[in-house]
């Protein structure tokens, strides 16, 4: 099967592997520590672990796009900001 039209690069593969590992990690976390009951965050929203993962991934995508628009490459700064953002979301949102 010819997948050259998809323009797969190592960063693209790494991104999708990261998403897969996040989903597997969340499944393992739920298996060993069940009860990801909704938690009220700083914005007054009730969110579960899955909601917080989705918010983190979506926010990270916007951070990377904003970084590309403002600063261009390299993206190491956007990665650091996204990781900090992810910790904040899982801790307080």
PDB file of N, CA and C in Angstrom:
ATOM      1  N   UNK A   1       0.852  -1.177   0.000  1.00  0.00           N
ATOM      2  CA  UNK A   1       0.000   0.000   0.000  1.00  0.00           C
ATOM      3  C   UNK A   1       0.894   1.235   0.000  1.00  0.00           C
ATOM      4  N   UNK A   2       0.625   2.141  -0.903  1.00  0.00           N
ATOM      5  CA  UNK A   2       1.432   3.356  -1.045  1.00  0.00           C
ATOM      6  C   UNK A   2       0.846   4.474  -0.186  1.00  0.00           C
ATOM      7  N   UNK A   3       1.585   4.869   0.851  1.00  0.00           N
ATOM      8  CA  UNK A   3       1.125   5.941   1.740  1.00  0.00           C
ATOM      9  C   UNK A   3       1.911   7.233   1.536  1.00  0.00           C
ATOM     10  N   UNK A   4       2.614   7.345   0.427  1.00  0.00           N
ATOM     11  CA  UNK A   4       3.439   8.537   0.219  1.00  0.00           C
ATOM     12  C   UNK A   4       2.598   9.810   0.097  1.00  0.00           C
ATOM     13  N   UNK A   5       1.352   9.675  -0.317  1.00  0.00           N
ATOM     14  CA  UNK A   5       0.493  10.842  -0.450  1.00  0.00           C
ATOM     15  C   UNK A   5       0.170  11.473   0.899  1.00  0.00           C
ATOM     16  N   UNK A   6       0.372  10.719   1.984  1.00  0.00           N
ATOM     17  CA  UNK A   6       0.053  11.237   3.307  1.00  0.00           C
ATOM     18  C   UNK A   6       1.174  12.083   3.895  1.00  0.00           C
ATOM     19  N   UNK A   7       2.335  12.055   3.271  1.00  0.00           N
ATOM     20  CA  UNK A   7       3.485  12.860   3.718  1.00  0.00           C
ATOM     21  C   UNK A   7       3.831  12.581   5.178  1.00  0.00           C
ATOM     22  N   UNK A   8       3.938  11.297   5.544  1.00  0.00           N
ATOM     23  CA  UNK A   8       4.306  10.925   6.901  1.00  0.00           C
ATOM     24  C   UNK A   8       5.766  11.270   7.143  1.00  0.00           C
ATOM     25  N   UNK A   9       5.998  12.013   8.191  1.00  0.00           N
ATOM     26  CA  UNK A   9       7.359  12.336   8.615  1.00  0.00           C
ATOM     27  C   UNK A   9       7.532  11.793  10.024  1.00  0.00           C
ATOM     28  N   UNK A  10       8.772  11.783  10.508  1.00  0.00           N
ATOM     29  CA  UNK A  10       9.005  11.305  11.874  1.00  0.00           C
ATOM     30  C   UNK A  10       8.251  12.128  12.912  1.00  0.00           C
ATOM     31  N   UNK A  11       8.185  13.455  12.803  1.00  0.00           N
ATOM     32  CA  UNK A  11       7.384  14.205  13.782  1.00  0.00           C
ATOM     33  C   UNK A  11       5.898  13.844  13.731  1.00  0.00           C
ATOM     34  N   UNK A  12       5.381  13.558  12.536  1.00  0.00           N
ATOM     35  CA  UNK A  12       3.979  13.175  12.423  1.00  0.00           C
ATOM     36  C   UNK A  12       3.739  11.834  13.106  1.00  0.00           C
ATOM     37  N   UNK A  13       4.609  10.882  12.840  1.00  0.00           N
ATOM     38  CA  UNK A  13       4.491   9.565  13.474  1.00  0.00           C
ATOM     39  C   UNK A  13       4.630   9.707  14.987  1.00  0.00           C
ATOM     40  N   UNK A  14       5.583  10.513  15.443  1.00  0.00           N
ATOM     41  CA  UNK A  14       5.784  10.704  16.883  1.00  0.00           C
ATOM     42  C   UNK A  14       4.537  11.299  17.529  1.00  0.00           C
ATOM     43  N   UNK A  15       3.886  12.224  16.842  1.00  0.00           N
ATOM     44  CA  UNK A  15       2.670  12.836  17.364  1.00  0.00           C
ATOM     45  C   UNK A  15       1.577  11.791  17.576  1.00  0.00           C
ATOM     46  N   UNK A  16       1.341  10.965  16.574  1.00  0.00           N
ATOM     47  CA  UNK A  16       0.278   9.970  16.695  1.00  0.00           C
ATOM     48  C   UNK A  16       0.641   8.872  17.689  1.00  0.00           C
ATOM     49  N   UNK A  17       1.906   8.524  17.789  1.00  0.00           N
ATOM     50  CA  UNK A  17       2.341   7.563  18.809  1.00  0.00           C
ATOM     51  C   UNK A  17       2.127   8.161  20.196  1.00  0.00           C
ATOM     52  N   UNK A  18       2.405   9.451  20.355  1.00  0.00           N
ATOM     53  CA  UNK A  18       2.175  10.125  21.632  1.00  0.00           C
ATOM     54  C   UNK A  18       0.696  10.086  22.008  1.00  0.00           C
ATOM     55  N   UNK A  19      -0.192  10.359  21.055  1.00  0.00           N
ATOM     56  CA  UNK A  19      -1.632  10.311  21.329  1.00  0.00           C
ATOM     57  C   UNK A  19      -2.032   8.902  21.747  1.00  0.00           C
ATOM     58  N   UNK A  20      -1.523   7.889  21.035  1.00  0.00           N
ATOM     59  CA  UNK A  20      -1.832   6.504  21.383  1.00  0.00           C
ATOM     60  C   UNK A  20      -1.336   6.169  22.785  1.00  0.00           C
ATOM     61  N   UNK A  21      -0.114   6.586  23.123  1.00  0.00           N
ATOM     62  CA  UNK A  21       0.424   6.321  24.451  1.00  0.00           C
ATOM     63  C   UNK A  21      -0.372   7.040  25.538  1.00  0.00           C
ATOM     64  N   UNK A  22      -0.860   8.243  25.246  1.00  0.00           N
ATOM     65  CA  UNK A  22      -1.710   8.954  26.211  1.00  0.00           C
ATOM     66  C   UNK A  22      -2.989   8.175  26.479  1.00  0.00           C
ATOM     67  N   UNK A  23      -3.610   7.672  25.429  1.00  0.00           N
ATOM     68  CA  UNK A  23      -4.853   6.915  25.601  1.00  0.00           C
ATOM     69  C   UNK A  23      -4.602   5.615  26.356  1.00  0.00           C
ATOM     70  N   UNK A  24      -3.518   4.924  26.028  1.00  0.00           N
ATOM     71  CA  UNK A  24      -3.187   3.691  26.747  1.00  0.00           C
ATOM     72  C   UNK A  24      -2.880   4.011  28.209  1.00  0.00           C
ATOM     73  N   UNK A  25      -2.113   5.075  28.440  1.00  0.00           N
ATOM     74  CA  UNK A  25      -1.788   5.482  29.809  1.00  0.00           C
ATOM     75  C   UNK A  25      -3.025   5.824  30.618  1.00  0.00           C
ATOM     76  N   UNK A  26      -3.978   6.506  29.998  1.00  0.00           N
ATOM     77  CA  UNK A  26      -5.222   6.834  30.700  1.00  0.00           C
ATOM     78  C   UNK A  26      -6.011   5.570  31.023  1.00  0.00           C
ATOM     79  N   UNK A  27      -6.004   4.603  30.110  1.00  0.00           N
ATOM     80  CA  UNK A  27      -6.688   3.342  30.368  1.00  0.00           C
ATOM     81  C   UNK A  27      -6.058   2.569  31.520  1.00  0.00           C
ATOM     82  N   UNK A  28      -4.724   2.528  31.549  1.00  0.00           N
ATOM     83  CA  UNK A  28      -4.017   1.850  32.635  1.00  0.00           C
ATOM     84  C   UNK A  28      -4.271   2.567  33.954  1.00  0.00           C
ATOM     85  N   UNK A  29      -4.215   3.891  33.932  1.00  0.00           N
ATOM     86  CA  UNK A  29      -4.477   4.694  35.132  1.00  0.00           C
ATOM     87  C   UNK A  29      -5.879   4.389  35.676  1.00  0.00           C
ATOM     88  N   UNK A  30      -6.861   4.346  34.782  1.00  0.00           N
ATOM     89  CA  UNK A  30      -8.237   4.073  35.207  1.00  0.00           C
ATOM     90  C   UNK A  30      -8.367   2.648  35.735  1.00  0.00           C
ATOM     91  N   UNK A  31      -7.615   1.723  35.171  1.00  0.00           N
ATOM     92  CA  UNK A  31      -7.679   0.332  35.637  1.00  0.00           C
ATOM     93  C   UNK A  31      -7.143   0.196  37.064  1.00  0.00           C
ATOM     94  N   UNK A  32      -6.018   0.841  37.341  1.00  0.00           N
ATOM     95  CA  UNK A  32      -5.397   0.713  38.656  1.00  0.00           C
ATOM     96  C   UNK A  32      -5.935   1.700  39.689  1.00  0.00           C
ATOM     97  N   UNK A  33      -6.486   2.813  39.253  1.00  0.00           N
ATOM     98  CA  UNK A  33      -7.079   3.798  40.169  1.00  0.00           C
ATOM     99  C   UNK A  33      -8.426   4.238  39.596  1.00  0.00           C
ATOM    100  N   UNK A  34      -9.426   3.345  39.676  1.00  0.00           N
ATOM    101  CA  UNK A  34     -10.719   3.681  39.072  1.00  0.00           C
ATOM    102  C   UNK A  34     -11.420   4.818  39.801  1.00  0.00           C
ATOM    103  N   UNK A  35     -12.356   5.385  39.082  1.00  0.00           N
ATOM    104  CA  UNK A  35     -13.176   6.411  39.712  1.00  0.00           C
ATOM    105  C   UNK A  35     -12.786   7.805  39.326  1.00  0.00           C
ATOM    106  N   UNK A  36     -12.418   8.000  38.076  1.00  0.00           N
ATOM    107  CA  UNK A  36     -12.108   9.352  37.629  1.00  0.00           C
ATOM    108  C   UNK A  36     -13.351  10.214  37.664  1.00  0.00           C
ATOM    109  N   UNK A  37     -13.917  10.352  38.848  1.00  0.00           N
ATOM    110  CA  UNK A  37     -15.155  11.109  39.025  1.00  0.00           C
ATOM    111  C   UNK A  37     -14.928  12.564  38.663  1.00  0.00           C
ATOM    112  N   UNK A  38     -15.969  13.231  38.206  1.00  0.00           N
ATOM    113  CA  UNK A  38     -15.834  14.648  37.868  1.00  0.00           C
ATOM    114  C   UNK A  38     -15.308  15.471  39.042  1.00  0.00           C
ATOM    115  N   UNK A  39     -14.485  16.427  38.711  1.00  0.00           N
ATOM    116  CA  UNK A  39     -13.895  17.318  39.709  1.00  0.00           C
ATOM    117  C   UNK A  39     -14.148  18.751  39.253  1.00  0.00           C
ATOM    118  N   UNK A  40     -14.540  19.603  40.183  1.00  0.00           N
ATOM    119  CA  UNK A  40     -14.806  21.005  39.841  1.00  0.00           C
ATOM    120  C   UNK A  40     -13.510  21.776  39.849  1.00  0.00           C
ATOM    121  N   UNK A  41     -13.226  22.429  38.720  1.00  0.00           N
ATOM    122  CA  UNK A  41     -11.979  23.165  38.572  1.00  0.00           C
ATOM    123  C   UNK A  41     -12.141  24.649  38.818  1.00  0.00           C
ATOM    124  N   UNK A  42     -11.115  25.402  38.474  1.00  0.00           N
ATOM    125  CA  UNK A  42     -11.108  26.846  38.731  1.00  0.00           C
ATOM    126  C   UNK A  42     -12.137  27.595  37.900  1.00  0.00           C
ATOM    127  N   UNK A  43     -12.556  27.031  36.763  1.00  0.00           N
ATOM    128  CA  UNK A  43     -13.551  27.704  35.930  1.00  0.00           C
ATOM    129  C   UNK A  43     -14.974  27.273  36.258  1.00  0.00           C
ATOM    130  N   UNK A  44     -15.127  26.432  37.287  1.00  0.00           N
ATOM    131  CA  UNK A  44     -16.446  25.973  37.684  1.00  0.00           C
ATOM    132  C   UNK A  44     -16.981  24.849  36.810  1.00  0.00           C
ATOM    133  N   UNK A  45     -16.126  24.253  35.996  1.00  0.00           N
ATOM    134  CA  UNK A  45     -16.542  23.144  35.145  1.00  0.00           C
ATOM    135  C   UNK A  45     -16.252  21.828  35.844  1.00  0.00           C
ATOM    136  N   UNK A  46     -17.170  20.877  35.715  1.00  0.00           N
ATOM    137  CA  UNK A  46     -16.911  19.535  36.202  1.00  0.00           C
ATOM    138  C   UNK A  46     -16.209  18.766  35.095  1.00  0.00           C
ATOM    139  N   UNK A  47     -14.972  18.316  35.352  1.00  0.00           N
ATOM    140  CA  UNK A  47     -14.208  17.602  34.337  1.00  0.00           C
ATOM    141  C   UNK A  47     -13.708  16.280  34.895  1.00  0.00           C
ATOM    142  N   UNK A  48     -13.630  15.286  34.017  1.00  0.00           N
ATOM    143  CA  UNK A  48     -13.049  13.991  34.358  1.00  0.00           C
ATOM    144  C   UNK A  48     -11.617  13.959  33.831  1.00  0.00           C
ATOM    145  N   UNK A  49     -10.918  12.869  34.087  1.00  0.00           N
ATOM    146  CA  UNK A  49      -9.543  12.741  33.584  1.00  0.00           C
ATOM    147  C   UNK A  49      -9.504  12.852  32.066  1.00  0.00           C
ATOM    148  N   UNK A  50     -10.448  12.191  31.409  1.00  0.00           N
ATOM    149  CA  UNK A  50     -10.498  12.234  29.944  1.00  0.00           C
ATOM    150  C   UNK A  50     -10.752  13.638  29.421  1.00  0.00           C
ATOM    151  N   UNK A  51     -11.626  14.372  30.104  1.00  0.00           N
ATOM    152  CA  UNK A  51     -11.890  15.767  29.718  1.00  0.00           C
ATOM    153  C   UNK A  51     -10.619  16.599  29.834  1.00  0.00           C
ATOM    154  N   UNK A  52      -9.892  16.396  30.931  1.00  0.00           N
ATOM    155  CA  UNK A  52      -8.665  17.165  31.140  1.00  0.00           C
ATOM    156  C   UNK A  52      -7.602  16.802  30.108  1.00  0.00           C
ATOM    157  N   UNK A  53      -7.545  15.519  29.709  1.00  0.00           N
ATOM    158  CA  UNK A  53      -6.614  15.128  28.649  1.00  0.00           C
ATOM    159  C   UNK A  53      -6.982  15.816  27.341  1.00  0.00           C
ATOM    160  N   UNK A  54      -8.267  15.825  27.004  1.00  0.00           N
ATOM    161  CA  UNK A  54      -8.714  16.474  25.780  1.00  0.00           C
ATOM    162  C   UNK A  54      -8.411  17.972  25.803  1.00  0.00           C
ATOM    163  N   UNK A  55      -8.693  18.627  26.918  1.00  0.00           N
ATOM    164  CA  UNK A  55      -8.410  20.063  27.048  1.00  0.00           C
ATOM    165  C   UNK A  55      -6.910  20.320  26.903  1.00  0.00           C
ATOM    166  N   UNK A  56      -6.091  19.439  27.469  1.00  0.00           N
ATOM    167  CA  UNK A  56      -4.643  19.593  27.369  1.00  0.00           C
ATOM    168  C   UNK A  56      -4.173  19.436  25.932  1.00  0.00           C
ATOM    169  N   UNK A  57      -4.660  18.416  25.231  1.00  0.00           N
ATOM    170  CA  UNK A  57      -4.234  18.192  23.847  1.00  0.00           C
ATOM    171  C   UNK A  57      -4.702  19.324  22.934  1.00  0.00           C
ATOM    172  N   UNK A  58      -5.937  19.751  23.110  1.00  0.00           N
ATOM    173  CA  UNK A  58      -6.457  20.843  22.284  1.00  0.00           C
ATOM    174  C   UNK A  58      -5.710  22.147  22.563  1.00  0.00           C
ATOM    175  N   UNK A  59      -5.485  22.446  23.845  1.00  0.00           N
ATOM    176  CA  UNK A  59      -4.734  23.653  24.193  1.00  0.00           C
ATOM    177  C   UNK A  59      -3.305  23.589  23.690  1.00  0.00           C
ATOM    178  N   UNK A  60      -2.691  22.409  23.783  1.00  0.00           N
ATOM    179  CA  UNK A  60      -1.329  22.248  23.268  1.00  0.00           C
ATOM    180  C   UNK A  60      -1.252  22.504  21.768  1.00  0.00           C
ATOM    181  N   UNK A  61      -2.267  22.040  21.033  1.00  0.00           N
ATOM    182  CA  UNK A  61      -2.292  22.295  19.588  1.00  0.00           C
ATOM    183  C   UNK A  61      -2.345  23.791  19.307  1.00  0.00           C
ATOM    184  N   UNK A  62      -3.170  24.515  20.048  1.00  0.00           N
ATOM    185  CA  UNK A  62      -3.250  25.958  19.843  1.00  0.00           C
ATOM    186  C   UNK A  62      -1.958  26.666  20.269  1.00  0.00           C
ATOM    187  N   UNK A  63      -1.311  26.173  21.311  1.00  0.00           N
ATOM    188  CA  UNK A  63      -0.024  26.751  21.723  1.00  0.00           C
ATOM    189  C   UNK A  63       0.997  26.589  20.605  1.00  0.00           C
ATOM    190  N   UNK A  64       1.067  25.397  20.019  1.00  0.00           N
ATOM    191  CA  UNK A  64       2.022  25.163  18.937  1.00  0.00           C
ATOM    192  C   UNK A  64       1.696  26.016  17.711  1.00  0.00           C
ATOM    193  N   UNK A  65       0.423  26.120  17.360  1.00  0.00           N
ATOM    194  CA  UNK A  65       0.058  26.951  16.208  1.00  0.00           C
ATOM    195  C   UNK A  65       0.371  28.423  16.459  1.00  0.00           C
ATOM    196  N   UNK A  66       0.074  28.892  17.669  1.00  0.00           N
ATOM    197  CA  UNK A  66       0.391  30.277  18.008  1.00  0.00           C
ATOM    198  C   UNK A  66       1.886  30.530  17.988  1.00  0.00           C
ATOM    199  N   UNK A  67       2.650  29.572  18.492  1.00  0.00           N
ATOM    200  CA  UNK A  67       4.111  29.704  18.491  1.00  0.00           C
ATOM    201  C   UNK A  67       4.636  29.784  17.062  1.00  0.00           C
ATOM    202  N   UNK A  68       4.121  28.903  16.194  1.00  0.00           N
ATOM    203  CA  UNK A  68       4.546  28.936  14.793  1.00  0.00           C
ATOM    204  C   UNK A  68       4.214  30.274  14.153  1.00  0.00           C
ATOM    205  N   UNK A  69       3.030  30.803  14.452  1.00  0.00           N
ATOM    206  CA  UNK A  69       2.638  32.082  13.875  1.00  0.00           C
ATOM    207  C   UNK A  69       3.457  33.250  14.382  1.00  0.00           C
ATOM    208  N   UNK A  70       3.841  33.218  15.660  1.00  0.00           N
ATOM    209  CA  UNK A  70       4.565  34.347  16.246  1.00  0.00           C
ATOM    210  C   UNK A  70       6.078  34.232  16.112  1.00  0.00           C
ATOM    211  N   UNK A  71       6.611  33.023  16.327  1.00  0.00           N
ATOM    212  CA  UNK A  71       8.062  32.864  16.399  1.00  0.00           C
ATOM    213  C   UNK A  71       8.643  31.953  15.331  1.00  0.00           C
ATOM    214  N   UNK A  72       7.842  31.116  14.715  1.00  0.00           N
ATOM    215  CA  UNK A  72       8.351  30.152  13.735  1.00  0.00           C
ATOM    216  C   UNK A  72       9.039  28.987  14.432  1.00  0.00           C
ATOM    217  N   UNK A  73       9.957  28.389  13.729  1.00  0.00           N
ATOM    218  CA  UNK A  73      10.686  27.250  14.306  1.00  0.00           C
ATOM    219  C   UNK A  73      11.972  27.734  14.937  1.00  0.00           C
ATOM    220  N   UNK A  74      12.573  26.991  15.828  1.00  0.00           N
ATOM    221  CA  UNK A  74      12.241  25.677  16.381  1.00  0.00           C
ATOM    222  C   UNK A  74      11.106  25.772  17.396  1.00  0.00           C
ATOM    223  N   UNK A  75      10.541  24.622  17.713  1.00  0.00           N
ATOM    224  CA  UNK A  75       9.346  24.565  18.544  1.00  0.00           C
ATOM    225  C   UNK A  75       9.614  24.115  19.978  1.00  0.00           C
ATOM    226  N   UNK A  76      10.856  24.163  20.414  1.00  0.00           N
ATOM    227  CA  UNK A  76      11.175  23.721  21.776  1.00  0.00           C
ATOM    228  C   UNK A  76      10.476  24.573  22.834  1.00  0.00           C
ATOM    229  N   UNK A  77      10.373  25.852  22.590  1.00  0.00           N
ATOM    230  CA  UNK A  77       9.673  26.728  23.538  1.00  0.00           C
ATOM    231  C   UNK A  77       8.205  26.372  23.646  1.00  0.00           C
ATOM    232  N   UNK A  78       7.569  26.073  22.502  1.00  0.00           N
ATOM    233  CA  UNK A  78       6.159  25.679  22.513  1.00  0.00           C
ATOM    234  C   UNK A  78       5.972  24.362  23.254  1.00  0.00           C
ATOM    235  N   UNK A  79       6.926  23.459  23.122  1.00  0.00           N
ATOM    236  CA  UNK A  79       6.843  22.188  23.832  1.00  0.00           C
ATOM    237  C   UNK A  79       6.894  22.403  25.340  1.00  0.00           C
ATOM    238  N   UNK A  80       7.790  23.258  25.789  1.00  0.00           N
ATOM    239  CA  UNK A  80       7.904  23.545  27.219  1.00  0.00           C
ATOM    240  C   UNK A  80       6.626  24.199  27.740  1.00  0.00           C
ATOM    241  N   UNK A  81       6.111  25.174  27.002  1.00  0.00           N
ATOM    242  CA  UNK A  81       4.869  25.847  27.407  1.00  0.00           C
ATOM    243  C   UNK A  81       3.714  24.846  27.446  1.00  0.00           C
ATOM    244  N   UNK A  82       3.646  23.952  26.467  1.00  0.00           N
ATOM    245  CA  UNK A  82       2.571  22.965  26.421  1.00  0.00           C
ATOM    246  C   UNK A  82       2.644  21.983  27.581  1.00  0.00           C
ATOM    247  N   UNK A  83       3.842  21.568  27.957  1.00  0.00           N
ATOM    248  CA  UNK A  83       3.995  20.650  29.081  1.00  0.00           C
ATOM    249  C   UNK A  83       3.562  21.325  30.377  1.00  0.00           C
ATOM    250  N   UNK A  84       3.968  22.568  30.568  1.00  0.00           N
ATOM    251  CA  UNK A  84       3.554  23.312  31.763  1.00  0.00           C
ATOM    252  C   UNK A  84       2.037  23.488  31.763  1.00  0.00           C
ATOM    253  N   UNK A  85       1.486  23.817  30.610  1.00  0.00           N
ATOM    254  CA  UNK A  85       0.036  23.965  30.473  1.00  0.00           C
ATOM    255  C   UNK A  85      -0.672  22.661  30.843  1.00  0.00           C
ATOM    256  N   UNK A  86      -0.148  21.522  30.395  1.00  0.00           N
ATOM    257  CA  UNK A  86      -0.733  20.232  30.712  1.00  0.00           C
ATOM    258  C   UNK A  86      -0.738  19.953  32.213  1.00  0.00           C
ATOM    259  N   UNK A  87       0.379  20.252  32.892  1.00  0.00           N
ATOM    260  CA  UNK A  87       0.424  20.068  34.341  1.00  0.00           C
ATOM    261  C   UNK A  87      -0.594  20.957  35.039  1.00  0.00           C
ATOM    262  N   UNK A  88      -0.739  22.192  34.576  1.00  0.00           N
ATOM    263  CA  UNK A  88      -1.699  23.116  35.186  1.00  0.00           C
ATOM    264  C   UNK A  88      -3.126  22.603  34.998  1.00  0.00           C
ATOM    265  N   UNK A  89      -3.427  22.124  33.789  1.00  0.00           N
ATOM    266  CA  UNK A  89      -4.782  21.621  33.521  1.00  0.00           C
ATOM    267  C   UNK A  89      -5.089  20.424  34.406  1.00  0.00           C
ATOM    268  N   UNK A  90      -4.163  19.482  34.497  1.00  0.00           N
ATOM    269  CA  UNK A  90      -4.446  18.285  35.294  1.00  0.00           C
ATOM    270  C   UNK A  90      -4.471  18.584  36.789  1.00  0.00           C
ATOM    271  N   UNK A  91      -3.779  19.623  37.206  1.00  0.00           N
ATOM    272  CA  UNK A  91      -3.745  19.956  38.644  1.00  0.00           C
ATOM    273  C   UNK A  91      -4.951  20.785  39.073  1.00  0.00           C
ATOM    274  N   UNK A  92      -5.327  21.812  38.288  1.00  0.00           N
ATOM    275  CA  UNK A  92      -6.322  22.780  38.752  1.00  0.00           C
ATOM    276  C   UNK A  92      -7.585  22.905  37.929  1.00  0.00           C
ATOM    277  N   UNK A  93      -7.639  22.323  36.760  1.00  0.00           N
ATOM    278  CA  UNK A  93      -8.854  22.514  35.928  1.00  0.00           C
ATOM    279  C   UNK A  93      -9.791  21.353  36.126  1.00  0.00           C
TER     280      UNK A  93
END
